[in-house]
Protein backbone atom coordinates (compact mmCIF):
# COMPACT_ATOMS: atom_id res chain seq x y z
CA UNK A 1 14.36 -5.25 13.33
CA UNK A 2 10.71 -5.46 14.38
CA UNK A 3 8.53 -3.37 12.07
CA UNK A 4 5.71 -1.54 13.86
CA UNK A 5 3.13 -1.30 11.11
CA UNK A 6 0.02 0.74 10.51
CA UNK A 7 -2.22 0.02 7.55
CA UNK A 8 -4.47 2.18 5.37
CA UNK A 9 -7.23 0.50 3.33
CA UNK A 10 -10.43 1.52 1.58
CA UNK A 11 -11.60 -1.97 0.55
CA UNK A 12 -10.47 -5.52 1.28
CA UNK A 13 -6.89 -4.55 2.11
CA UNK A 14 -5.57 -7.68 0.38
CA UNK A 15 -1.89 -6.89 0.90
CA UNK A 16 -2.48 -5.91 4.54
CA UNK A 17 -4.34 -9.19 5.07
CA UNK A 18 -1.43 -11.27 3.75
CA UNK A 19 1.05 -9.23 5.82
CA UNK A 20 -0.95 -9.64 9.05
CA UNK A 21 -1.29 -13.38 8.45
CA UNK A 22 2.48 -13.62 7.91
CA UNK A 23 3.09 -11.83 11.22
CA UNK A 24 0.80 -14.30 13.00
CA UNK A 25 2.60 -17.22 11.34
CA UNK A 26 6.03 -15.92 12.40
CA UNK A 27 7.12 -15.22 8.81
CA UNK A 28 7.54 -11.46 9.32
CA UNK A 29 9.21 -9.74 12.28
CA UNK A 30 6.54 -7.08 12.71
CA UNK A 31 3.59 -5.94 14.78
CA UNK A 32 0.26 -4.85 13.28
CA UNK A 33 -0.56 -1.81 15.41
CA UNK A 34 -3.58 -0.25 13.60
CA UNK A 35 -5.70 -0.42 10.44
CA UNK A 36 -7.41 2.81 9.37
CA UNK A 37 -9.96 3.30 6.62
CA UNK A 38 -11.73 6.31 5.16
CA UNK A 39 -14.88 4.14 5.01
CA UNK A 40 -17.00 3.25 8.03
CA UNK A 41 -17.94 -0.14 6.58
CA UNK A 42 -14.52 -1.06 5.24
CA UNK A 43 -14.37 -4.75 4.26
CA UNK A 44 -10.89 -5.05 5.80
CA UNK A 45 -12.26 -4.31 9.28
CA UNK A 46 -13.81 -7.78 9.49
CA UNK A 47 -10.62 -9.78 9.02
CA UNK A 48 -8.54 -7.26 10.99
CA UNK A 49 -10.84 -7.41 14.01
CA UNK A 50 -10.85 -11.22 13.84
CA UNK A 51 -7.05 -11.06 14.13
CA UNK A 52 -7.12 -8.55 17.02
CA UNK A 53 -5.76 -5.69 14.90
CA UNK A 54 -7.24 -2.38 16.16
CA UNK A 55 -9.35 -0.64 13.51
CA UNK A 56 -10.43 2.97 13.06
CA UNK A 57 -12.75 4.65 10.54
CA UNK A 58 -11.75 8.20 9.63
CA UNK A 59 -14.00 9.55 6.86
CA UNK A 60 -12.15 12.30 5.01
CA UNK A 61 -14.73 13.98 2.75
CA UNK A 62 -16.49 16.33 5.18
CA UNK A 63 -13.32 17.66 6.86
CA UNK A 64 -10.07 16.48 5.22
CA UNK A 65 -7.85 18.61 7.50
CA UNK A 66 -9.33 17.21 10.71
CA UNK A 67 -9.16 13.66 9.32
CA UNK A 68 -5.51 14.16 8.40
CA UNK A 69 -4.64 15.40 11.89
CA UNK A 70 -6.60 12.54 13.47
CA UNK A 71 -4.87 9.96 11.24
CA UNK A 72 -1.38 11.18 12.11
CA UNK A 73 -2.25 11.25 15.81
CA UNK A 74 -3.91 7.81 15.79
CA UNK A 75 -0.92 6.19 14.11
CA UNK A 76 1.53 7.85 16.50
CA UNK A 77 -0.58 6.95 19.55
CA UNK A 78 -0.41 3.26 18.56
CA UNK A 79 3.37 3.42 18.14
CA UNK A 80 3.25 2.95 14.37
CA UNK A 81 6.64 3.51 12.74
CA UNK A 82 5.89 2.46 9.14
CA UNK A 83 2.60 2.89 7.25
CA UNK A 84 1.55 0.41 4.56
CA UNK A 85 -1.04 1.60 2.03
CA UNK A 86 -3.20 -1.31 0.92
CA UNK A 87 -5.70 0.03 -1.58
CA UNK A 88 -6.28 3.33 0.23
CA UNK A 89 -8.12 5.57 -2.21
CA UNK A 90 -7.59 8.97 -0.60
CA UNK A 91 -4.73 11.41 -0.88
CA UNK A 92 -2.78 11.78 2.36
CA UNK A 93 -2.70 15.18 4.05
CA UNK A 94 0.28 17.28 5.16
CA UNK A 95 0.16 16.26 8.85
CA UNK A 96 0.48 12.56 8.08
CA UNK A 97 3.04 13.13 5.31
CA UNK A 98 5.16 15.30 7.60
CA UNK A 99 5.01 13.04 10.66
CA UNK A 100 5.70 9.90 8.62
CA UNK A 101 8.02 11.38 5.98
CA UNK A 102 9.94 8.59 4.28
CA UNK A 103 7.96 5.96 6.22
CA UNK A 104 4.78 5.47 4.14
CA UNK A 105 4.87 2.72 1.50
CA UNK A 106 2.51 2.27 -1.44
CA UNK A 107 2.32 -0.40 -4.12
CA UNK A 108 1.67 0.69 -7.72
CA UNK A 109 0.47 -1.75 -10.41
CA UNK A 110 2.61 -0.46 -13.28
CA UNK A 111 6.05 0.88 -14.17
CA UNK A 112 6.86 4.25 -12.63
CA UNK A 113 7.22 7.05 -13.43
CA UNK A 114 5.78 6.50 -16.91
CA UNK A 115 2.48 4.96 -15.80
CA UNK A 116 1.87 6.91 -12.61
CA UNK A 117 0.42 10.19 -11.48
CA UNK A 118 -3.02 11.53 -10.69
CA UNK A 119 -5.78 9.39 -12.16
CA UNK A 120 -3.44 6.49 -12.95
CA UNK A 121 -4.71 3.62 -10.83
CA UNK A 122 -6.30 0.21 -11.27
CA UNK A 123 -7.52 -0.71 -14.75
CA UNK A 124 -6.30 2.59 -16.23
CA UNK A 125 -2.68 1.63 -15.58
CA UNK A 126 -3.04 -1.77 -17.25
CA UNK A 127 -4.90 -0.31 -20.24
CA UNK A 128 -2.07 2.19 -20.75
CA UNK A 129 0.64 -0.48 -20.44
CA UNK A 130 -1.07 -2.78 -22.98
CA UNK A 131 -1.77 0.13 -25.35
CA UNK A 132 1.92 1.11 -25.21
CA UNK A 133 2.90 -2.32 -26.56
CA UNK A 134 5.41 -3.02 -23.80
CA UNK A 135 7.03 -6.42 -23.38
CA UNK A 136 6.69 -6.19 -19.62
CA UNK A 137 4.93 -4.28 -16.91
CA UNK A 138 6.07 -3.94 -13.29
CA UNK A 139 4.82 -3.73 -9.73
CA UNK A 140 6.55 -0.93 -7.83
CA UNK A 141 6.73 -0.29 -4.09
CA UNK A 142 7.62 3.30 -3.38
CA UNK A 143 7.70 5.88 -0.61
CA UNK A 144 4.68 8.19 -0.57
CA UNK A 145 5.22 11.94 -0.77
CA UNK A 146 3.13 14.99 -1.73
CA UNK A 147 2.79 13.94 -5.39
CA UNK A 148 0.95 10.87 -6.70
CA UNK A 149 3.30 7.94 -7.41
CA UNK A 150 6.36 10.17 -7.11
CA UNK A 151 8.38 9.15 -4.04
CA UNK A 152 11.58 7.07 -4.12
CA UNK A 153 11.29 3.50 -5.37
CA UNK A 154 12.03 0.78 -2.80
CA UNK A 155 11.48 -2.39 -4.81
CA UNK A 156 10.26 -3.51 -8.24
CA UNK A 157 8.97 -6.78 -9.67
CA UNK A 158 8.83 -7.33 -13.44
CA UNK A 159 5.62 -8.74 -14.92
CA UNK A 160 6.21 -9.94 -18.52
CA UNK A 161 3.21 -9.54 -20.81
CA UNK A 162 1.89 -12.75 -22.31
CA UNK A 163 0.76 -13.33 -25.92
CA UNK A 164 -2.74 -11.91 -26.38
CA UNK A 165 -2.54 -10.03 -23.08
CA UNK A 166 -5.45 -7.70 -22.36
CA UNK A 167 -5.79 -5.03 -19.69
CA UNK A 168 -8.15 -7.34 -17.79
CA UNK A 169 -5.82 -10.36 -17.81
CA UNK A 170 -2.83 -8.20 -16.87
CA UNK A 171 -4.78 -6.61 -14.01
CA UNK A 172 -5.78 -10.04 -12.68
CA UNK A 173 -2.19 -11.30 -12.76
CA UNK A 174 -0.76 -8.16 -11.15
CA UNK A 175 -3.40 -8.21 -8.38
CA UNK A 176 -2.55 -11.83 -7.62
CA UNK A 177 1.16 -10.97 -7.30
CA UNK A 178 0.94 -7.77 -5.27
CA UNK A 179 0.30 -9.09 -1.72
CA UNK A 180 3.18 -11.59 -1.73
CA UNK A 181 5.53 -8.99 -3.24
CA UNK A 182 4.60 -6.43 -0.58
CA UNK A 183 5.23 -9.06 2.11
CA UNK A 184 8.61 -10.01 0.60
CA UNK A 185 9.65 -6.35 0.52
CA UNK A 186 8.74 -5.92 4.20
CA UNK A 187 10.61 -9.13 5.06
CA UNK A 188 13.71 -7.69 3.38
CA UNK A 189 13.29 -4.40 5.26
CA UNK A 190 12.94 -6.22 8.58
CA UNK A 191 16.05 -8.29 7.81
CA UNK A 192 18.08 -5.21 6.87
CA UNK A 193 18.51 -6.37 3.25
CA UNK A 194 16.56 -3.31 2.05
CA UNK A 195 16.77 0.22 3.44
CA UNK A 196 14.32 3.10 3.34
CA UNK A 197 15.84 6.14 1.59
């Protein structure tokens, strides 16, 4: 099954970059239809444009409702069927969530639901995991819904903590693992080995 992907990024879009490169190399049966950012000077635009992926800046702060409507319409107009969030730092609005219900994927850098929710992102997640004294953390790919880090889990990768682990070392290791894990999950979806709920 060919995945028709749209991407959301606020920064480098590291996972999106790896996924688009895999499509070009024939390692993922997918098409990169559009990359959207809430920032006009998004770093991901440079590599996306170089790979002929259409890009669109949709700032959300001044008029979130209009941006939400425009995002849903832009994705649909490009034939996007599945949205991949790659470091997108804005909450999605009701138009996009409704039009793409069950078809928006996010990657979270810690075990859910315990280390998720509003305000739990980046270094905060890793600090909480280390402070809890866990033997392992996890990277979780889940469906996005109206609540932060709440939608159904699609895939999970364990990340054992090492002796002397700090939040900074855990964050570095998790970040290095996320893009390949996101790609593997999409490969399994395209092959029919994984299903969306």
